[in-house]
């Protein structure tokens, strides 16, 4: 893999030592703003994806060892993605945290 094929890092994700990278899909921008402070307390470094296409987002998550939060069912096959059902933010937050726990800890 050459250096030209590695995507640029977004400004928000430069300091990955601050927590586990959590990449929000563009469709969840409002949910991201609502939950980012809560997620920081749990040890996550949440940011909005710099990419549009699913395969780019999946590759990026793998490169930075991060996890994806989305409502797009195209990510169901991705092992690093939590696919949420659109609902009230509180319910989506609980489903997201449970999904992340299952992915990270393998329960």
PDB file of N, CA and C in Angstrom:
ATOM      1  N   UNK A   1       0.844  -1.166   0.000  1.00  0.00           N
ATOM      2  CA  UNK A   1       0.000   0.000   0.000  1.00  0.00           C
ATOM      3  C   UNK A   1       0.897   1.238   0.000  1.00  0.00           C
ATOM      4  N   UNK A   2       0.660   2.121  -0.909  1.00  0.00           N
ATOM      5  CA  UNK A   2       1.487   3.323  -0.999  1.00  0.00           C
ATOM      6  C   UNK A   2       0.884   4.453  -0.169  1.00  0.00           C
ATOM      7  N   UNK A   3       1.698   5.440   0.084  1.00  0.00           N
ATOM      8  CA  UNK A   3       1.258   6.582   0.894  1.00  0.00           C
ATOM      9  C   UNK A   3       0.156   7.371   0.185  1.00  0.00           C
ATOM     10  N   UNK A   4       0.123   7.324  -1.145  1.00  0.00           N
ATOM     11  CA  UNK A   4      -0.910   8.053  -1.893  1.00  0.00           C
ATOM     12  C   UNK A   4      -2.295   7.459  -1.677  1.00  0.00           C
ATOM     13  N   UNK A   5      -2.368   6.160  -1.364  1.00  0.00           N
ATOM     14  CA  UNK A   5      -3.668   5.514  -1.205  1.00  0.00           C
ATOM     15  C   UNK A   5      -4.240   5.665   0.203  1.00  0.00           C
ATOM     16  N   UNK A   6      -3.463   6.173   1.138  1.00  0.00           N
ATOM     17  CA  UNK A   6      -3.952   6.378   2.504  1.00  0.00           C
ATOM     18  C   UNK A   6      -4.710   7.696   2.556  1.00  0.00           C
ATOM     19  N   UNK A   7      -5.969   7.673   3.017  1.00  0.00           N
ATOM     20  CA  UNK A   7      -6.759   8.912   3.053  1.00  0.00           C
ATOM     21  C   UNK A   7      -6.236   9.888   4.096  1.00  0.00           C
ATOM     22  N   UNK A   8      -6.455  11.181   3.868  1.00  0.00           N
ATOM     23  CA  UNK A   8      -6.011  12.171   4.851  1.00  0.00           C
ATOM     24  C   UNK A   8      -6.811  12.056   6.143  1.00  0.00           C
ATOM     25  N   UNK A   9      -6.196  12.423   7.235  1.00  0.00           N
ATOM     26  CA  UNK A   9      -6.841  12.372   8.532  1.00  0.00           C
ATOM     27  C   UNK A   9      -7.591  13.675   8.775  1.00  0.00           C
ATOM     28  N   UNK A  10      -8.879  13.604   9.208  1.00  0.00           N
ATOM     29  CA  UNK A  10      -9.606  14.845   9.500  1.00  0.00           C
ATOM     30  C   UNK A  10      -9.006  15.543  10.720  1.00  0.00           C
ATOM     31  N   UNK A  11      -9.206  16.835  10.799  1.00  0.00           N
ATOM     32  CA  UNK A  11      -8.640  17.623  11.900  1.00  0.00           C
ATOM     33  C   UNK A  11      -9.072  17.109  13.268  1.00  0.00           C
ATOM     34  N   UNK A  12     -10.317  16.676  13.385  1.00  0.00           N
ATOM     35  CA  UNK A  12     -10.829  16.217  14.674  1.00  0.00           C
ATOM     36  C   UNK A  12     -10.194  14.911  15.127  1.00  0.00           C
ATOM     37  N   UNK A  13      -9.676  14.108  14.199  1.00  0.00           N
ATOM     38  CA  UNK A  13      -9.165  12.788  14.545  1.00  0.00           C
ATOM     39  C   UNK A  13      -7.646  12.760  14.708  1.00  0.00           C
ATOM     40  N   UNK A  14      -7.009  13.904  14.679  1.00  0.00           N
ATOM     41  CA  UNK A  14      -5.553  13.950  14.767  1.00  0.00           C
ATOM     42  C   UNK A  14      -5.066  13.433  16.118  1.00  0.00           C
ATOM     43  N   UNK A  15      -5.746  13.750  17.168  1.00  0.00           N
ATOM     44  CA  UNK A  15      -5.334  13.357  18.508  1.00  0.00           C
ATOM     45  C   UNK A  15      -6.065  12.089  18.931  1.00  0.00           C
ATOM     46  N   UNK A  16      -5.740  10.990  18.280  1.00  0.00           N
ATOM     47  CA  UNK A  16      -6.424   9.729  18.545  1.00  0.00           C
ATOM     48  C   UNK A  16      -6.099   9.163  19.924  1.00  0.00           C
ATOM     49  N   UNK A  17      -5.052   9.656  20.561  1.00  0.00           N
ATOM     50  CA  UNK A  17      -4.700   9.173  21.884  1.00  0.00           C
ATOM     51  C   UNK A  17      -5.732   9.597  22.925  1.00  0.00           C
ATOM     52  N   UNK A  18      -6.629  10.478  22.554  1.00  0.00           N
ATOM     53  CA  UNK A  18      -7.642  10.963  23.486  1.00  0.00           C
ATOM     54  C   UNK A  18      -8.778   9.970  23.677  1.00  0.00           C
ATOM     55  N   UNK A  19      -8.851   8.935  22.869  1.00  0.00           N
ATOM     56  CA  UNK A  19      -9.900   7.945  23.034  1.00  0.00           C
ATOM     57  C   UNK A  19     -10.032   7.052  21.819  1.00  0.00           C
ATOM     58  N   UNK A  20     -10.963   6.142  21.887  1.00  0.00           N
ATOM     59  CA  UNK A  20     -11.239   5.219  20.787  1.00  0.00           C
ATOM     60  C   UNK A  20     -11.948   5.995  19.686  1.00  0.00           C
ATOM     61  N   UNK A  21     -11.447   5.954  18.449  1.00  0.00           N
ATOM     62  CA  UNK A  21     -12.088   6.690  17.351  1.00  0.00           C
ATOM     63  C   UNK A  21     -13.499   6.160  17.062  1.00  0.00           C
ATOM     64  N   UNK A  22     -14.450   7.059  17.012  1.00  0.00           N
ATOM     65  CA  UNK A  22     -15.835   6.719  16.727  1.00  0.00           C
ATOM     66  C   UNK A  22     -16.298   7.609  15.578  1.00  0.00           C
ATOM     67  N   UNK A  23     -16.525   6.999  14.420  1.00  0.00           N
ATOM     68  CA  UNK A  23     -16.812   7.730  13.191  1.00  0.00           C
ATOM     69  C   UNK A  23     -18.321   7.752  12.952  1.00  0.00           C
ATOM     70  N   UNK A  24     -18.900   8.929  12.935  1.00  0.00           N
ATOM     71  CA  UNK A  24     -20.334   9.083  12.679  1.00  0.00           C
ATOM     72  C   UNK A  24     -20.576   9.328  11.198  1.00  0.00           C
ATOM     73  N   UNK A  25     -21.568   8.643  10.649  1.00  0.00           N
ATOM     74  CA  UNK A  25     -21.977   8.841   9.263  1.00  0.00           C
ATOM     75  C   UNK A  25     -22.593  10.238   9.118  1.00  0.00           C
ATOM     76  N   UNK A  26     -22.526  10.785   7.911  1.00  0.00           N
ATOM     77  CA  UNK A  26     -23.051  12.145   7.670  1.00  0.00           C
ATOM     78  C   UNK A  26     -24.530  12.277   8.013  1.00  0.00           C
ATOM     79  N   UNK A  27     -25.296  11.202   7.856  1.00  0.00           N
ATOM     80  CA  UNK A  27     -26.732  11.269   8.143  1.00  0.00           C
ATOM     81  C   UNK A  27     -27.028  11.438   9.631  1.00  0.00           C
ATOM     82  N   UNK A  28     -26.035  11.207  10.482  1.00  0.00           N
ATOM     83  CA  UNK A  28     -26.228  11.312  11.933  1.00  0.00           C
ATOM     84  C   UNK A  28     -25.547  12.536  12.542  1.00  0.00           C
ATOM     85  N   UNK A  29     -25.447  13.588  11.772  1.00  0.00           N
ATOM     86  CA  UNK A  29     -24.758  14.798  12.233  1.00  0.00           C
ATOM     87  C   UNK A  29     -25.410  15.371  13.498  1.00  0.00           C
ATOM     88  N   UNK A  30     -26.731  15.453  13.538  1.00  0.00           N
ATOM     89  CA  UNK A  30     -27.430  15.973  14.717  1.00  0.00           C
ATOM     90  C   UNK A  30     -27.226  15.093  15.933  1.00  0.00           C
ATOM     91  N   UNK A  31     -27.289  13.776  15.739  1.00  0.00           N
ATOM     92  CA  UNK A  31     -27.066  12.831  16.832  1.00  0.00           C
ATOM     93  C   UNK A  31     -25.626  12.927  17.332  1.00  0.00           C
ATOM     94  N   UNK A  32     -24.693  13.141  16.433  1.00  0.00           N
ATOM     95  CA  UNK A  32     -23.291  13.320  16.819  1.00  0.00           C
ATOM     96  C   UNK A  32     -23.142  14.517  17.760  1.00  0.00           C
ATOM     97  N   UNK A  33     -23.722  15.663  17.372  1.00  0.00           N
ATOM     98  CA  UNK A  33     -23.604  16.861  18.210  1.00  0.00           C
ATOM     99  C   UNK A  33     -24.270  16.655  19.568  1.00  0.00           C
ATOM    100  N   UNK A  34     -25.348  15.886  19.598  1.00  0.00           N
ATOM    101  CA  UNK A  34     -26.065  15.632  20.838  1.00  0.00           C
ATOM    102  C   UNK A  34     -25.253  14.715  21.757  1.00  0.00           C
ATOM    103  N   UNK A  35     -24.547  13.730  21.191  1.00  0.00           N
ATOM    104  CA  UNK A  35     -23.917  12.696  22.012  1.00  0.00           C
ATOM    105  C   UNK A  35     -22.410  12.827  22.207  1.00  0.00           C
ATOM    106  N   UNK A  36     -21.749  13.751  21.528  1.00  0.00           N
ATOM    107  CA  UNK A  36     -20.282  13.776  21.557  1.00  0.00           C
ATOM    108  C   UNK A  36     -19.693  13.986  22.953  1.00  0.00           C
ATOM    109  N   UNK A  37     -20.274  14.834  23.767  1.00  0.00           N
ATOM    110  CA  UNK A  37     -19.741  15.048  25.124  1.00  0.00           C
ATOM    111  C   UNK A  37     -19.929  13.813  25.996  1.00  0.00           C
ATOM    112  N   UNK A  38     -21.087  13.172  25.854  1.00  0.00           N
ATOM    113  CA  UNK A  38     -21.343  11.955  26.615  1.00  0.00           C
ATOM    114  C   UNK A  38     -20.327  10.874  26.251  1.00  0.00           C
ATOM    115  N   UNK A  39     -20.038  10.778  24.953  1.00  0.00           N
ATOM    116  CA  UNK A  39     -19.100   9.761  24.483  1.00  0.00           C
ATOM    117  C   UNK A  39     -17.670  10.042  24.925  1.00  0.00           C
ATOM    118  N   UNK A  40     -17.318  11.296  25.050  1.00  0.00           N
ATOM    119  CA  UNK A  40     -15.975  11.658  25.505  1.00  0.00           C
ATOM    120  C   UNK A  40     -15.748  11.148  26.923  1.00  0.00           C
ATOM    121  N   UNK A  41     -16.778  11.232  27.776  1.00  0.00           N
ATOM    122  CA  UNK A  41     -16.668  10.734  29.137  1.00  0.00           C
ATOM    123  C   UNK A  41     -16.509   9.218  29.185  1.00  0.00           C
ATOM    124  N   UNK A  42     -16.987   8.536  28.137  1.00  0.00           N
ATOM    125  CA  UNK A  42     -16.855   7.082  28.075  1.00  0.00           C
ATOM    126  C   UNK A  42     -15.546   6.637  27.420  1.00  0.00           C
ATOM    127  N   UNK A  43     -14.739   7.590  26.985  1.00  0.00           N
ATOM    128  CA  UNK A  43     -13.442   7.254  26.422  1.00  0.00           C
ATOM    129  C   UNK A  43     -13.410   7.169  24.904  1.00  0.00           C
ATOM    130  N   UNK A  44     -14.390   7.760  24.229  1.00  0.00           N
ATOM    131  CA  UNK A  44     -14.427   7.745  22.771  1.00  0.00           C
ATOM    132  C   UNK A  44     -14.044   9.113  22.216  1.00  0.00           C
ATOM    133  N   UNK A  45     -13.404   9.104  21.071  1.00  0.00           N
ATOM    134  CA  UNK A  45     -13.090  10.326  20.337  1.00  0.00           C
ATOM    135  C   UNK A  45     -14.009  10.343  19.122  1.00  0.00           C
ATOM    136  N   UNK A  46     -15.159  10.964  19.254  1.00  0.00           N
ATOM    137  CA  UNK A  46     -16.174  10.955  18.201  1.00  0.00           C
ATOM    138  C   UNK A  46     -15.944  12.096  17.214  1.00  0.00           C
ATOM    139  N   UNK A  47     -16.181  11.795  15.920  1.00  0.00           N
ATOM    140  CA  UNK A  47     -16.108  12.811  14.873  1.00  0.00           C
ATOM    141  C   UNK A  47     -16.945  12.361  13.689  1.00  0.00           C
ATOM    142  N   UNK A  48     -17.265  13.306  12.815  1.00  0.00           N
ATOM    143  CA  UNK A  48     -18.063  13.013  11.618  1.00  0.00           C
ATOM    144  C   UNK A  48     -17.121  12.580  10.504  1.00  0.00           C
ATOM    145  N   UNK A  49     -17.534  11.592   9.762  1.00  0.00           N
ATOM    146  CA  UNK A  49     -16.697  11.050   8.698  1.00  0.00           C
ATOM    147  C   UNK A  49     -16.347  12.108   7.645  1.00  0.00           C
ATOM    148  N   UNK A  50     -15.106  12.081   7.165  1.00  0.00           N
ATOM    149  CA  UNK A  50     -14.723  12.997   6.094  1.00  0.00           C
ATOM    150  C   UNK A  50     -15.061  12.435   4.708  1.00  0.00           C
ATOM    151  N   UNK A  51     -15.673  11.246   4.659  1.00  0.00           N
ATOM    152  CA  UNK A  51     -15.945  10.568   3.390  1.00  0.00           C
ATOM    153  C   UNK A  51     -17.435  10.364   3.168  1.00  0.00           C
ATOM    154  N   UNK A  52     -17.829  10.198   1.886  1.00  0.00           N
ATOM    155  CA  UNK A  52     -19.229   9.994   1.523  1.00  0.00           C
ATOM    156  C   UNK A  52     -19.563   8.531   1.290  1.00  0.00           C
ATOM    157  N   UNK A  53     -18.673   7.805   0.649  1.00  0.00           N
ATOM    158  CA  UNK A  53     -18.980   6.452   0.197  1.00  0.00           C
ATOM    159  C   UNK A  53     -18.694   5.414   1.278  1.00  0.00           C
ATOM    160  N   UNK A  54     -19.563   4.409   1.332  1.00  0.00           N
ATOM    161  CA  UNK A  54     -19.478   3.384   2.379  1.00  0.00           C
ATOM    162  C   UNK A  54     -18.126   2.689   2.414  1.00  0.00           C
ATOM    163  N   UNK A  55     -17.610   2.279   1.265  1.00  0.00           N
ATOM    164  CA  UNK A  55     -16.344   1.543   1.255  1.00  0.00           C
ATOM    165  C   UNK A  55     -15.186   2.411   1.748  1.00  0.00           C
ATOM    166  N   UNK A  56     -15.247   3.724   1.499  1.00  0.00           N
ATOM    167  CA  UNK A  56     -14.204   4.619   2.001  1.00  0.00           C
ATOM    168  C   UNK A  56     -14.268   4.732   3.521  1.00  0.00           C
ATOM    169  N   UNK A  57     -15.482   4.819   4.044  1.00  0.00           N
ATOM    170  CA  UNK A  57     -15.662   4.926   5.494  1.00  0.00           C
ATOM    171  C   UNK A  57     -15.188   3.649   6.182  1.00  0.00           C
ATOM    172  N   UNK A  58     -15.508   2.483   5.596  1.00  0.00           N
ATOM    173  CA  UNK A  58     -15.077   1.212   6.182  1.00  0.00           C
ATOM    174  C   UNK A  58     -13.560   1.080   6.170  1.00  0.00           C
ATOM    175  N   UNK A  59     -12.938   1.463   5.063  1.00  0.00           N
ATOM    176  CA  UNK A  59     -11.479   1.403   4.964  1.00  0.00           C
ATOM    177  C   UNK A  59     -10.835   2.352   5.976  1.00  0.00           C
ATOM    178  N   UNK A  60     -11.381   3.547   6.091  1.00  0.00           N
ATOM    179  CA  UNK A  60     -10.852   4.532   7.022  1.00  0.00           C
ATOM    180  C   UNK A  60     -10.948   4.031   8.466  1.00  0.00           C
ATOM    181  N   UNK A  61     -12.088   3.426   8.824  1.00  0.00           N
ATOM    182  CA  UNK A  61     -12.264   2.894  10.181  1.00  0.00           C
ATOM    183  C   UNK A  61     -11.233   1.811  10.475  1.00  0.00           C
ATOM    184  N   UNK A  62     -10.963   0.984   9.480  1.00  0.00           N
ATOM    185  CA  UNK A  62      -9.974  -0.074   9.671  1.00  0.00           C
ATOM    186  C   UNK A  62      -8.563   0.514   9.815  1.00  0.00           C
ATOM    187  N   UNK A  63      -8.261   1.547   9.032  1.00  0.00           N
ATOM    188  CA  UNK A  63      -6.930   2.159   9.084  1.00  0.00           C
ATOM    189  C   UNK A  63      -6.629   2.824  10.424  1.00  0.00           C
ATOM    190  N   UNK A  64      -7.628   3.475  11.006  1.00  0.00           N
ATOM    191  CA  UNK A  64      -7.384   4.175  12.276  1.00  0.00           C
ATOM    192  C   UNK A  64      -7.845   3.356  13.483  1.00  0.00           C
ATOM    193  N   UNK A  65      -8.286   2.113  13.223  1.00  0.00           N
ATOM    194  CA  UNK A  65      -8.749   1.215  14.282  1.00  0.00           C
ATOM    195  C   UNK A  65      -9.921   1.832  15.045  1.00  0.00           C
ATOM    196  N   UNK A  66     -10.881   2.365  14.282  1.00  0.00           N
ATOM    197  CA  UNK A  66     -12.048   3.014  14.865  1.00  0.00           C
ATOM    198  C   UNK A  66     -13.327   2.237  14.595  1.00  0.00           C
ATOM    199  N   UNK A  67     -14.430   2.779  15.051  1.00  0.00           N
ATOM    200  CA  UNK A  67     -15.746   2.156  14.902  1.00  0.00           C
ATOM    201  C   UNK A  67     -16.686   3.147  14.235  1.00  0.00           C
ATOM    202  N   UNK A  68     -17.664   2.624  13.501  1.00  0.00           N
ATOM    203  CA  UNK A  68     -18.586   3.433  12.707  1.00  0.00           C
ATOM    204  C   UNK A  68     -19.965   3.410  13.364  1.00  0.00           C
ATOM    205  N   UNK A  69     -20.623   4.559  13.403  1.00  0.00           N
ATOM    206  CA  UNK A  69     -22.010   4.665  13.864  1.00  0.00           C
ATOM    207  C   UNK A  69     -22.817   5.190  12.685  1.00  0.00           C
ATOM    208  N   UNK A  70     -23.850   4.448  12.290  1.00  0.00           N
ATOM    209  CA  UNK A  70     -24.628   4.806  11.112  1.00  0.00           C
ATOM    210  C   UNK A  70     -26.049   4.266  11.208  1.00  0.00           C
ATOM    211  N   UNK A  71     -26.891   4.706  10.293  1.00  0.00           N
ATOM    212  CA  UNK A  71     -28.230   4.138  10.146  1.00  0.00           C
ATOM    213  C   UNK A  71     -28.343   3.402   8.811  1.00  0.00           C
ATOM    214  N   UNK A  72     -27.278   3.372   8.040  1.00  0.00           N
ATOM    215  CA  UNK A  72     -27.239   2.758   6.717  1.00  0.00           C
ATOM    216  C   UNK A  72     -27.106   1.240   6.842  1.00  0.00           C
ATOM    217  N   UNK A  73     -28.086   0.490   6.336  1.00  0.00           N
ATOM    218  CA  UNK A  73     -28.065  -0.966   6.438  1.00  0.00           C
ATOM    219  C   UNK A  73     -26.989  -1.595   5.573  1.00  0.00           C
ATOM    220  N   UNK A  74     -26.355  -0.818   4.714  1.00  0.00           N
ATOM    221  CA  UNK A  74     -25.239  -1.313   3.927  1.00  0.00           C
ATOM    222  C   UNK A  74     -24.026  -1.656   4.781  1.00  0.00           C
ATOM    223  N   UNK A  75     -24.014  -1.208   6.022  1.00  0.00           N
ATOM    224  CA  UNK A  75     -22.906  -1.469   6.933  1.00  0.00           C
ATOM    225  C   UNK A  75     -23.134  -2.703   7.808  1.00  0.00           C
ATOM    226  N   UNK A  76     -24.220  -3.430   7.598  1.00  0.00           N
ATOM    227  CA  UNK A  76     -24.508  -4.594   8.439  1.00  0.00           C
ATOM    228  C   UNK A  76     -23.419  -5.656   8.371  1.00  0.00           C
ATOM    229  N   UNK A  77     -22.734  -5.769   7.251  1.00  0.00           N
ATOM    230  CA  UNK A  77     -21.675  -6.771   7.106  1.00  0.00           C
ATOM    231  C   UNK A  77     -20.357  -6.310   7.720  1.00  0.00           C
ATOM    232  N   UNK A  78     -20.240  -5.040   8.000  1.00  0.00           N
ATOM    233  CA  UNK A  78     -18.999  -4.488   8.559  1.00  0.00           C
ATOM    234  C   UNK A  78     -18.919  -4.817  10.049  1.00  0.00           C
ATOM    235  N   UNK A  79     -17.820  -5.429  10.458  1.00  0.00           N
ATOM    236  CA  UNK A  79     -17.647  -5.834  11.855  1.00  0.00           C
ATOM    237  C   UNK A  79     -17.377  -4.653  12.777  1.00  0.00           C
ATOM    238  N   UNK A  80     -16.997  -3.505  12.217  1.00  0.00           N
ATOM    239  CA  UNK A  80     -16.655  -2.339  13.015  1.00  0.00           C
ATOM    240  C   UNK A  80     -17.773  -1.298  13.021  1.00  0.00           C
ATOM    241  N   UNK A  81     -18.993  -1.697  12.668  1.00  0.00           N
ATOM    242  CA  UNK A  81     -20.088  -0.730  12.553  1.00  0.00           C
ATOM    243  C   UNK A  81     -21.244  -1.071  13.483  1.00  0.00           C
ATOM    244  N   UNK A  82     -21.833  -0.023  14.037  1.00  0.00           N
ATOM    245  CA  UNK A  82     -23.075  -0.137  14.801  1.00  0.00           C
ATOM    246  C   UNK A  82     -24.151   0.519  13.948  1.00  0.00           C
ATOM    247  N   UNK A  83     -25.118  -0.280  13.512  1.00  0.00           N
ATOM    248  CA  UNK A  83     -26.203   0.220  12.668  1.00  0.00           C
ATOM    249  C   UNK A  83     -27.412   0.471  13.560  1.00  0.00           C
ATOM    250  N   UNK A  84     -27.813   1.731  13.629  1.00  0.00           N
ATOM    251  CA  UNK A  84     -28.910   2.132  14.511  1.00  0.00           C
ATOM    252  C   UNK A  84     -30.212   2.291  13.745  1.00  0.00           C
ATOM    253  N   UNK A  85     -31.312   2.067  14.452  1.00  0.00           N
ATOM    254  CA  UNK A  85     -32.632   2.374  13.928  1.00  0.00           C
ATOM    255  C   UNK A  85     -32.929   3.825  14.298  1.00  0.00           C
ATOM    256  N   UNK A  86     -33.467   4.573  13.361  1.00  0.00           N
ATOM    257  CA  UNK A  86     -33.774   5.984  13.633  1.00  0.00           C
ATOM    258  C   UNK A  86     -34.881   6.048  14.684  1.00  0.00           C
ATOM    259  N   UNK A  87     -34.598   6.737  15.767  1.00  0.00           N
ATOM    260  CA  UNK A  87     -35.521   6.825  16.894  1.00  0.00           C
ATOM    261  C   UNK A  87     -35.173   8.093  17.668  1.00  0.00           C
ATOM    262  N   UNK A  88     -35.694   8.230  18.868  1.00  0.00           N
ATOM    263  CA  UNK A  88     -35.320   9.345  19.724  1.00  0.00           C
ATOM    264  C   UNK A  88     -33.857   9.191  20.099  1.00  0.00           C
ATOM    265  N   UNK A  89     -33.172  10.315  20.284  1.00  0.00           N
ATOM    266  CA  UNK A  89     -31.739  10.287  20.545  1.00  0.00           C
ATOM    267  C   UNK A  89     -31.378   9.443  21.765  1.00  0.00           C
ATOM    268  N   UNK A  90     -32.180   9.492  22.811  1.00  0.00           N
ATOM    269  CA  UNK A  90     -31.879   8.719  24.017  1.00  0.00           C
ATOM    270  C   UNK A  90     -31.873   7.230  23.718  1.00  0.00           C
ATOM    271  N   UNK A  91     -32.855   6.757  22.955  1.00  0.00           N
ATOM    272  CA  UNK A  91     -32.930   5.333  22.601  1.00  0.00           C
ATOM    273  C   UNK A  91     -31.797   4.955  21.654  1.00  0.00           C
ATOM    274  N   UNK A  92     -31.471   5.841  20.719  1.00  0.00           N
ATOM    275  CA  UNK A  92     -30.365   5.573  19.806  1.00  0.00           C
ATOM    276  C   UNK A  92     -29.044   5.509  20.571  1.00  0.00           C
ATOM    277  N   UNK A  93     -28.887   6.364  21.567  1.00  0.00           N
ATOM    278  CA  UNK A  93     -27.663   6.390  22.367  1.00  0.00           C
ATOM    279  C   UNK A  93     -27.476   5.075  23.115  1.00  0.00           C
ATOM    280  N   UNK A  94     -28.541   4.599  23.739  1.00  0.00           N
ATOM    281  CA  UNK A  94     -28.472   3.339  24.480  1.00  0.00           C
ATOM    282  C   UNK A  94     -28.142   2.186  23.534  1.00  0.00           C
ATOM    283  N   UNK A  95     -28.800   2.143  22.370  1.00  0.00           N
ATOM    284  CA  UNK A  95     -28.529   1.087  21.386  1.00  0.00           C
ATOM    285  C   UNK A  95     -27.085   1.177  20.885  1.00  0.00           C
ATOM    286  N   UNK A  96     -26.584   2.390  20.698  1.00  0.00           N
ATOM    287  CA  UNK A  96     -25.212   2.579  20.230  1.00  0.00           C
ATOM    288  C   UNK A  96     -24.208   2.080  21.266  1.00  0.00           C
ATOM    289  N   UNK A  97     -24.386   2.437  22.514  1.00  0.00           N
ATOM    290  CA  UNK A  97     -23.462   2.025  23.567  1.00  0.00           C
ATOM    291  C   UNK A  97     -23.492   0.503  23.737  1.00  0.00           C
ATOM    292  N   UNK A  98     -24.669  -0.094  23.684  1.00  0.00           N
ATOM    293  CA  UNK A  98     -24.773  -1.551  23.769  1.00  0.00           C
ATOM    294  C   UNK A  98     -24.089  -2.213  22.577  1.00  0.00           C
ATOM    295  N   UNK A  99     -24.297  -1.675  21.383  1.00  0.00           N
ATOM    296  CA  UNK A  99     -23.666  -2.222  20.192  1.00  0.00           C
ATOM    297  C   UNK A  99     -22.156  -2.106  20.235  1.00  0.00           C
ATOM    298  N   UNK A 100     -21.654  -0.972  20.681  1.00  0.00           N
ATOM    299  CA  UNK A 100     -20.211  -0.790  20.810  1.00  0.00           C
ATOM    300  C   UNK A 100     -19.623  -1.757  21.830  1.00  0.00           C
ATOM    301  N   UNK A 101     -20.335  -1.965  22.923  1.00  0.00           N
ATOM    302  CA  UNK A 101     -19.870  -2.910  23.940  1.00  0.00           C
ATOM    303  C   UNK A 101     -19.761  -4.315  23.354  1.00  0.00           C
ATOM    304  N   UNK A 102     -20.759  -4.724  22.579  1.00  0.00           N
ATOM    305  CA  UNK A 102     -20.742  -6.053  21.963  1.00  0.00           C
ATOM    306  C   UNK A 102     -19.595  -6.195  20.983  1.00  0.00           C
ATOM    307  N   UNK A 103     -19.346  -5.152  20.180  1.00  0.00           N
ATOM    308  CA  UNK A 103     -18.265  -5.214  19.192  1.00  0.00           C
ATOM    309  C   UNK A 103     -16.898  -5.237  19.876  1.00  0.00           C
ATOM    310  N   UNK A 104     -16.695  -4.362  20.834  1.00  0.00           N
ATOM    311  CA  UNK A 104     -15.388  -4.218  21.475  1.00  0.00           C
ATOM    312  C   UNK A 104     -15.060  -5.412  22.374  1.00  0.00           C
ATOM    313  N   UNK A 105     -16.044  -5.863  23.136  1.00  0.00           N
ATOM    314  CA  UNK A 105     -15.792  -6.917  24.105  1.00  0.00           C
ATOM    315  C   UNK A 105     -16.202  -8.303  23.616  1.00  0.00           C
ATOM    316  N   UNK A 106     -16.865  -8.374  22.479  1.00  0.00           N
ATOM    317  CA  UNK A 106     -17.228  -9.663  21.890  1.00  0.00           C
ATOM    318  C   UNK A 106     -18.289 -10.428  22.653  1.00  0.00           C
ATOM    319  N   UNK A 107     -19.178  -9.747  23.318  1.00  0.00           N
ATOM    320  CA  UNK A 107     -20.246 -10.427  24.077  1.00  0.00           C
ATOM    321  C   UNK A 107     -21.375 -10.843  23.184  1.00  0.00           C
TER     322      UNK A 107
END
